[in-house]
Amino acid sequence: MHVAMYYKNSDVRIEEMPLPKIGPDELLVKVIASGICGSDVLEWYRIKKAPIVLGHEIAGEIAEAGKNVKKYKVGDRVFVSHHIPCNTCHYCLNGNHTACETLHTTNYDPGGFAEYLRVPPLNVDRGVFVLPDEVTFGEGTFIEPLACVLRGQRAARFKPGQSVLVLGSGISGLLHIMLARAQGAGRIIATDINSYKMDAAKRFGADAVIHADEDVPARVGEINERPVDLVIVCTGAYKAFAQALKSVDRGGTILFFAATEPNIELPIPVNEFWRNSITLLPSYGGSPYDCAIAIELIRAKRVAVSDMITHRLPLKEAQKGFNLVAESSESIKVIIEPHS
């Protein structure tokens, strides 16, 4: 079978690999659609494991089922989670599924930018979801990123009516805007440095958009008449993290949804935040519970993800897809279709 092998952002090669052989408790899935995530082009993070077949936002059809698999059958349209929690460790039992060591070590074989992938037994047990008829394969690629966004907003204790500032209007920022709007947010403000992304933020639910090079905290105060209740950082730019610290209201929360480059330290005004009950919260990944909710939101069109797809490319054009996402200029969601 053919795969897109990642060496670095500017070097993604179409190579051949053997078709994975499945065991009695495993599945072979034909990948119909696979989204390119912003983390796939986080080169400092990915290059350490290169060469590697990336891709973790997939939807496809079951091509083969192991003899012990009873819950799924050949032909089922499915979304498959790549990272799966054990549900029994200290972290899982305390609701911190994305801190689970099992979640950090599970994956499918080889990755979503391949014609087929093998789903290991643990992922079969709790990471395979049959797609409703109303959800297309393209929409299915949004289940994983939307699940991450759901977990982040839930952890941040988002409440209807709260004002929200989203720093960075890439795919994760836009999903945060759309979810906050669907959940009854008050005023939503977004930022970016790219006019295409700023326009997209407005189109997908932001009430106001600020260029990130402006004095964002001051502009937020003008627009919202006070700082905001919830700040969501969706870009790794250090400036955005600094802006977040100055844009949150008393009793508010800053959700660090994105990561900076390694070894970056952020000075925190501890006394000021202590006096004003401000919460700082990182968020990583999503759980099977979040995936199930994401599927329902997409099925019901509460989060209209299909409108975010700007590019559909065959596997042979994977390099073009990586370029589009890495450049982040005039694309939102780029999907690879290995069998097109």
Protein backbone atom coordinates (compact mmCIF):
# COMPACT_ATOMS: atom_id res chain seq x y z
CA MET A 1 0.00 0.00 0.00
CA HIS A 2 1.02 3.64 -0.40
CA VAL A 3 1.75 5.98 2.50
CA ALA A 4 2.88 9.58 2.92
CA MET A 5 6.14 9.31 4.89
CA TYR A 6 7.05 12.41 6.89
CA TYR A 7 10.72 13.40 7.09
CA LYS A 8 10.15 17.10 7.73
CA ASN A 9 7.54 19.66 6.74
CA SER A 10 9.13 20.22 3.33
CA ASP A 11 9.92 16.54 2.74
CA VAL A 12 6.86 14.26 2.66
CA ARG A 13 7.42 11.29 0.35
CA ILE A 14 4.99 8.79 -1.14
CA GLU A 15 6.39 5.38 -0.27
CA GLU A 16 5.23 1.78 -0.21
CA MET A 17 4.67 -0.30 2.91
CA PRO A 18 3.24 -3.80 3.36
CA LEU A 19 -0.48 -3.96 4.04
CA PRO A 20 -0.79 -4.41 7.83
CA LYS A 21 -1.78 -7.88 9.00
CA ILE A 22 -4.40 -7.91 11.73
CA GLY A 23 -4.80 -10.20 14.71
CA PRO A 24 -8.01 -11.83 16.00
CA ASP A 25 -8.93 -8.78 18.10
CA GLU A 26 -8.01 -6.14 15.53
CA LEU A 27 -9.45 -4.27 12.56
CA LEU A 28 -8.11 -3.23 9.19
CA VAL A 29 -9.56 0.13 8.16
CA LYS A 30 -9.55 1.59 4.66
CA VAL A 31 -8.76 5.28 5.16
CA ILE A 32 -11.19 7.41 3.15
CA ALA A 33 -10.33 10.81 4.63
CA SER A 34 -7.55 12.01 6.90
CA GLY A 35 -7.20 15.60 8.13
CA ILE A 36 -3.86 17.35 8.48
CA CYS A 37 -3.65 18.70 12.03
CA GLY A 38 -1.68 21.78 13.00
CA SER A 39 0.37 19.52 15.25
CA ASP A 40 1.38 17.47 12.20
CA VAL A 41 3.42 20.45 10.98
CA LEU A 42 4.87 21.27 14.42
CA GLU A 43 8.27 20.37 13.04
CA TRP A 44 10.35 20.56 16.24
CA TYR A 45 7.92 18.07 17.78
CA ARG A 46 7.48 15.70 14.83
CA ILE A 47 10.97 15.54 13.40
CA LYS A 48 12.29 13.68 16.45
CA LYS A 49 10.35 10.57 15.35
CA ALA A 50 10.88 10.92 11.60
CA PRO A 51 10.60 9.14 9.27
CA ILE A 52 7.03 8.48 10.32
CA VAL A 53 3.55 8.15 8.84
CA LEU A 54 1.49 10.83 10.56
CA GLY A 55 -2.27 11.41 10.53
CA HIS A 56 -4.66 10.95 13.44
CA GLU A 57 -7.89 12.57 12.22
CA ILE A 58 -9.31 9.74 10.16
CA ALA A 59 -12.56 8.36 8.88
CA GLY A 60 -12.91 5.22 6.82
CA GLU A 61 -14.47 1.83 6.24
CA ILE A 62 -13.71 -1.45 7.97
CA ALA A 63 -12.01 -3.63 5.36
CA GLU A 64 -11.32 -6.63 7.59
CA ALA A 65 -12.33 -7.68 11.11
CA GLY A 66 -10.53 -10.16 13.34
CA LYS A 67 -12.41 -13.33 14.26
CA ASN A 68 -12.95 -12.18 17.86
CA VAL A 69 -14.37 -8.77 16.92
CA LYS A 70 -18.14 -8.86 17.41
CA LYS A 71 -19.07 -5.20 17.77
CA TYR A 72 -18.03 -4.11 14.26
CA LYS A 73 -18.29 -5.62 10.79
CA VAL A 74 -16.76 -5.20 7.36
CA GLY A 75 -18.25 -2.18 5.61
CA ASP A 76 -18.97 -0.15 8.75
CA ARG A 77 -18.19 3.54 8.34
CA VAL A 78 -16.03 4.52 11.30
CA PHE A 79 -13.95 7.11 13.06
CA VAL A 80 -11.00 5.66 14.97
CA SER A 81 -9.21 7.33 17.89
CA HIS A 82 -5.44 6.99 17.85
CA HIS A 83 -4.79 7.69 21.57
CA ILE A 84 -6.83 5.63 24.05
CA PRO A 85 -6.89 5.82 27.88
CA CYS A 86 -6.76 2.73 30.06
CA ASN A 87 -9.75 3.86 32.20
CA THR A 88 -8.25 2.15 35.27
CA CYS A 89 -5.20 4.17 36.35
CA HIS A 90 -5.07 6.91 38.98
CA TYR A 91 -5.40 9.63 36.34
CA CYS A 92 -8.33 8.10 34.49
CA LEU A 93 -10.19 7.39 37.72
CA ASN A 94 -9.81 11.07 38.62
CA GLY A 95 -11.12 12.23 35.25
CA ASN A 96 -7.72 13.16 33.81
CA HIS A 97 -7.83 10.73 30.89
CA THR A 98 -5.38 12.66 28.75
CA ALA A 99 -2.71 12.36 31.47
CA CYS A 100 -2.96 8.56 31.26
CA GLU A 101 0.29 6.84 30.25
CA THR A 102 -1.64 4.39 28.07
CA LEU A 103 -3.20 7.27 26.14
CA HIS A 104 0.28 8.66 25.45
CA THR A 105 1.61 5.33 24.16
CA THR A 106 -1.30 3.93 22.10
CA ASN A 107 -1.67 4.54 18.37
CA TYR A 108 -2.72 2.83 15.19
CA ASP A 109 -0.44 1.33 12.57
CA PRO A 110 1.00 3.06 10.62
CA GLY A 111 -0.92 6.37 10.61
CA GLY A 112 -3.76 8.17 8.88
CA PHE A 113 -1.82 9.22 5.78
CA ALA A 114 -1.93 5.70 4.42
CA GLU A 115 -4.33 3.70 2.31
CA TYR A 116 -5.04 1.30 5.20
CA LEU A 117 -4.30 1.11 8.90
CA ARG A 118 -4.39 -1.57 11.59
CA VAL A 119 -6.41 -0.83 14.71
CA PRO A 120 -4.91 -2.54 17.82
CA PRO A 121 -7.15 -4.38 20.33
CA LEU A 122 -7.32 -1.58 22.91
CA ASN A 123 -8.33 0.94 20.26
CA VAL A 124 -10.93 -1.51 18.93
CA ASP A 125 -12.32 -1.87 22.45
CA ARG A 126 -12.82 1.84 23.19
CA GLY A 127 -11.68 3.96 20.26
CA VAL A 128 -13.85 2.94 17.30
CA PHE A 129 -17.07 4.85 16.63
CA VAL A 130 -19.55 4.02 13.89
CA LEU A 131 -20.40 7.17 11.95
CA PRO A 132 -24.07 8.16 11.83
CA ASP A 133 -25.55 8.26 8.35
CA GLU A 134 -25.73 12.06 8.58
CA VAL A 135 -21.93 12.39 9.08
CA THR A 136 -19.77 12.30 5.95
CA PHE A 137 -16.22 10.97 5.89
CA GLY A 138 -14.95 14.53 5.54
CA GLU A 139 -16.91 15.63 8.60
CA GLY A 140 -15.59 12.57 10.42
CA THR A 141 -12.07 14.00 10.28
CA PHE A 142 -13.22 16.75 12.66
CA ILE A 143 -14.25 14.37 15.45
CA GLU A 144 -10.81 14.20 17.05
CA PRO A 145 -10.02 17.95 16.98
CA LEU A 146 -13.52 18.86 18.13
CA ALA A 147 -13.20 16.35 20.98
CA CYS A 148 -10.03 18.14 22.10
CA VAL A 149 -11.85 21.48 22.00
CA LEU A 150 -14.78 20.05 23.97
CA ARG A 151 -12.50 18.77 26.70
CA GLY A 152 -10.72 22.12 26.91
CA GLN A 153 -13.88 24.18 27.30
CA ARG A 154 -15.32 21.73 29.81
CA ALA A 155 -12.12 21.83 31.86
CA ALA A 156 -12.25 25.63 31.75
CA ARG A 157 -15.77 25.46 33.22
CA PHE A 158 -17.23 27.44 30.35
CA LYS A 159 -20.71 28.80 31.09
CA PRO A 160 -23.34 30.22 28.71
CA GLY A 161 -23.20 33.99 28.61
CA GLN A 162 -19.47 34.22 29.26
CA SER A 163 -17.34 36.47 27.10
CA VAL A 164 -14.58 34.67 25.21
CA LEU A 165 -11.32 35.75 23.59
CA VAL A 166 -9.73 33.28 21.13
CA LEU A 167 -6.11 34.10 20.34
CA GLY A 168 -5.27 32.54 16.98
CA SER A 169 -7.89 31.69 14.36
CA GLY A 170 -6.48 28.53 12.84
CA ILE A 171 -8.52 25.34 12.84
CA SER A 172 -8.49 24.92 16.63
CA GLY A 173 -9.33 28.57 17.19
CA LEU A 174 -12.24 28.39 14.76
CA LEU A 175 -13.57 25.23 16.42
CA HIS A 176 -13.38 26.97 19.79
CA ILE A 177 -15.33 29.91 18.35
CA MET A 178 -17.99 27.63 16.87
CA LEU A 179 -18.34 25.52 20.01
CA ALA A 180 -18.52 28.54 22.29
CA ARG A 181 -21.21 30.01 20.05
CA ALA A 182 -23.13 26.71 20.02
CA GLN A 183 -22.97 26.58 23.83
CA GLY A 184 -24.38 30.07 24.29
CA ALA A 185 -21.35 32.30 24.71
CA GLY A 186 -21.82 35.99 25.18
CA ARG A 187 -19.44 38.18 23.18
CA ILE A 188 -16.74 36.27 21.26
CA ILE A 189 -13.59 38.10 20.17
CA ALA A 190 -10.87 36.54 18.00
CA THR A 191 -7.38 37.50 16.85
CA ASP A 192 -4.96 36.55 14.11
CA ILE A 193 -2.24 38.13 11.97
CA ASN A 194 -3.65 36.72 8.73
CA SER A 195 -6.56 38.55 7.07
CA TYR A 196 -7.91 35.28 5.61
CA LYS A 197 -8.08 33.74 9.09
CA MET A 198 -9.57 36.94 10.53
CA ASP A 199 -12.34 36.81 7.95
CA ALA A 200 -12.90 33.13 8.74
CA ALA A 201 -13.21 33.89 12.46
CA LYS A 202 -15.93 36.42 11.72
CA ARG A 203 -17.68 34.00 9.38
CA PHE A 204 -17.68 31.17 11.90
CA GLY A 205 -19.09 33.11 14.82
CA ALA A 206 -16.79 35.77 16.26
CA ASP A 207 -18.52 39.06 17.08
CA ALA A 208 -15.31 41.04 16.66
CA VAL A 209 -11.86 40.35 15.26
CA ILE A 210 -8.61 42.10 16.22
CA HIS A 211 -5.32 42.02 14.35
CA ALA A 212 -2.85 40.32 16.66
CA ASP A 213 -0.27 43.11 16.21
CA GLU A 214 -2.63 45.63 17.82
CA ASP A 215 -2.80 46.28 21.56
CA VAL A 216 -5.08 43.31 22.06
CA PRO A 217 -5.84 43.77 25.80
CA ALA A 218 -6.79 47.42 25.21
CA ARG A 219 -8.96 46.58 22.21
CA VAL A 220 -10.67 43.79 24.16
CA GLY A 221 -11.50 46.29 26.89
CA GLU A 222 -13.01 48.65 24.32
CA ILE A 223 -15.09 45.97 22.62
CA ASN A 224 -16.24 44.08 25.71
CA GLU A 225 -16.23 47.03 28.13
CA ARG A 226 -14.09 44.91 30.45
CA PRO A 227 -11.62 42.02 30.11
CA VAL A 228 -13.12 38.65 29.13
CA ASP A 229 -14.23 35.71 31.26
CA LEU A 230 -12.39 33.09 29.22
CA VAL A 231 -9.22 33.47 27.15
CA ILE A 232 -8.28 30.56 24.87
CA VAL A 233 -4.75 30.53 23.46
CA CYS A 234 -4.75 28.69 20.12
CA THR A 235 -1.37 29.73 18.76
CA GLY A 236 2.15 28.95 19.88
CA ALA A 237 3.25 32.58 19.41
CA TYR A 238 4.75 33.84 22.67
CA LYS A 239 3.06 37.21 22.15
CA ALA A 240 -0.36 35.57 22.38
CA PHE A 241 0.45 34.04 25.76
CA ALA A 242 1.56 37.45 27.02
CA GLN A 243 -1.62 39.05 25.64
CA ALA A 244 -3.72 36.41 27.39
CA LEU A 245 -2.34 37.36 30.81
CA LYS A 246 -3.52 40.95 30.30
CA SER A 247 -6.91 40.17 28.75
CA VAL A 248 -8.59 38.02 31.42
CA ASP A 249 -11.12 39.46 33.86
CA ARG A 250 -11.26 38.88 37.60
CA GLY A 251 -12.55 35.40 38.32
CA GLY A 252 -11.70 34.42 34.75
CA THR A 253 -9.77 31.56 33.16
CA ILE A 254 -6.94 31.34 30.65
CA LEU A 255 -6.98 28.08 28.70
CA PHE A 256 -3.60 27.26 27.18
CA PHE A 257 -4.80 25.11 24.28
CA ALA A 258 -1.62 25.51 22.21
CA ALA A 259 1.99 24.80 23.11
CA THR A 260 4.95 27.13 22.68
CA GLU A 261 8.31 26.03 21.34
CA PRO A 262 10.47 24.09 23.85
CA ASN A 263 12.07 25.81 26.85
CA ILE A 264 9.85 28.91 26.71
CA GLU A 265 9.02 30.36 30.11
CA LEU A 266 6.11 32.71 30.79
CA PRO A 267 6.32 35.16 33.71
CA ILE A 268 3.10 35.06 35.73
CA PRO A 269 1.92 38.00 37.89
CA VAL A 270 1.23 35.64 40.79
CA ASN A 271 0.07 38.22 43.34
CA GLU A 272 -2.31 39.90 40.92
CA PHE A 273 -3.80 36.60 39.81
CA TRP A 274 -4.04 35.39 43.43
CA ARG A 275 -5.99 38.48 44.48
CA ASN A 276 -8.32 38.24 41.48
CA SER A 277 -9.01 34.48 41.45
CA ILE A 278 -7.66 33.91 37.96
CA THR A 279 -7.22 30.33 36.76
CA LEU A 280 -4.45 29.19 34.40
CA LEU A 281 -5.24 25.89 32.72
CA PRO A 282 -3.51 23.81 30.05
CA SER A 283 -5.47 21.33 27.95
CA TYR A 284 -4.25 18.43 25.84
CA GLY A 285 -6.18 15.89 23.80
CA GLY A 286 -9.63 14.42 24.26
CA SER A 287 -11.15 11.25 25.67
CA PRO A 288 -13.58 8.71 24.16
CA TYR A 289 -16.34 10.55 26.03
CA ASP A 290 -15.43 13.76 24.20
CA CYS A 291 -15.38 11.93 20.86
CA ALA A 292 -18.90 10.65 21.44
CA ILE A 293 -20.15 14.18 22.14
CA ALA A 294 -18.27 15.57 19.13
CA ILE A 295 -20.01 13.07 16.86
CA GLU A 296 -23.42 14.17 18.11
CA LEU A 297 -22.61 17.86 17.68
CA ILE A 298 -21.48 17.23 14.12
CA ARG A 299 -24.45 14.96 13.35
CA ALA A 300 -26.90 17.59 14.60
CA LYS A 301 -25.06 20.35 12.69
CA ARG A 302 -24.62 22.26 15.94
CA VAL A 303 -21.01 22.70 14.82
CA ALA A 304 -21.09 22.96 11.02
CA VAL A 305 -17.64 21.61 10.30
CA SER A 306 -18.15 20.81 6.60
CA ASP A 307 -18.01 24.53 5.81
CA MET A 308 -14.42 24.57 7.10
CA ILE A 309 -13.04 22.17 4.48
CA THR A 310 -11.04 24.19 1.96
CA HIS A 311 -8.90 21.50 0.31
CA ARG A 312 -9.33 17.80 -0.53
CA LEU A 313 -6.19 16.22 -1.96
CA PRO A 314 -5.17 12.73 -3.10
CA LEU A 315 -2.38 10.99 -1.21
CA LYS A 316 0.11 11.76 -3.97
CA GLU A 317 -0.35 15.47 -3.17
CA ALA A 318 0.32 15.09 0.56
CA GLN A 319 3.33 17.40 0.30
CA LYS A 320 1.08 20.14 -1.08
CA GLY A 321 -1.26 19.58 1.86
CA PHE A 322 1.56 19.88 4.38
CA ASN A 323 2.75 23.06 2.67
CA LEU A 324 -0.74 24.57 2.88
CA VAL A 325 -1.07 23.82 6.59
CA ALA A 326 2.50 24.86 7.45
CA GLU A 327 2.16 28.15 5.57
CA SER A 328 -1.27 28.71 7.13
CA SER A 329 -2.13 31.41 4.63
CA GLU A 330 -5.34 30.62 2.74
CA SER A 331 -6.50 27.26 3.98
CA ILE A 332 -8.58 26.11 6.91
CA LYS A 333 -9.08 22.34 6.81
CA VAL A 334 -6.92 20.29 4.46
CA ILE A 335 -8.00 16.67 3.99
CA ILE A 336 -6.04 13.88 2.36
CA GLU A 337 -8.14 11.25 0.54
CA PRO A 338 -5.84 8.22 0.03
CA HIS A 339 -8.13 6.42 -2.42
CA SER A 340 -9.18 9.36 -4.60
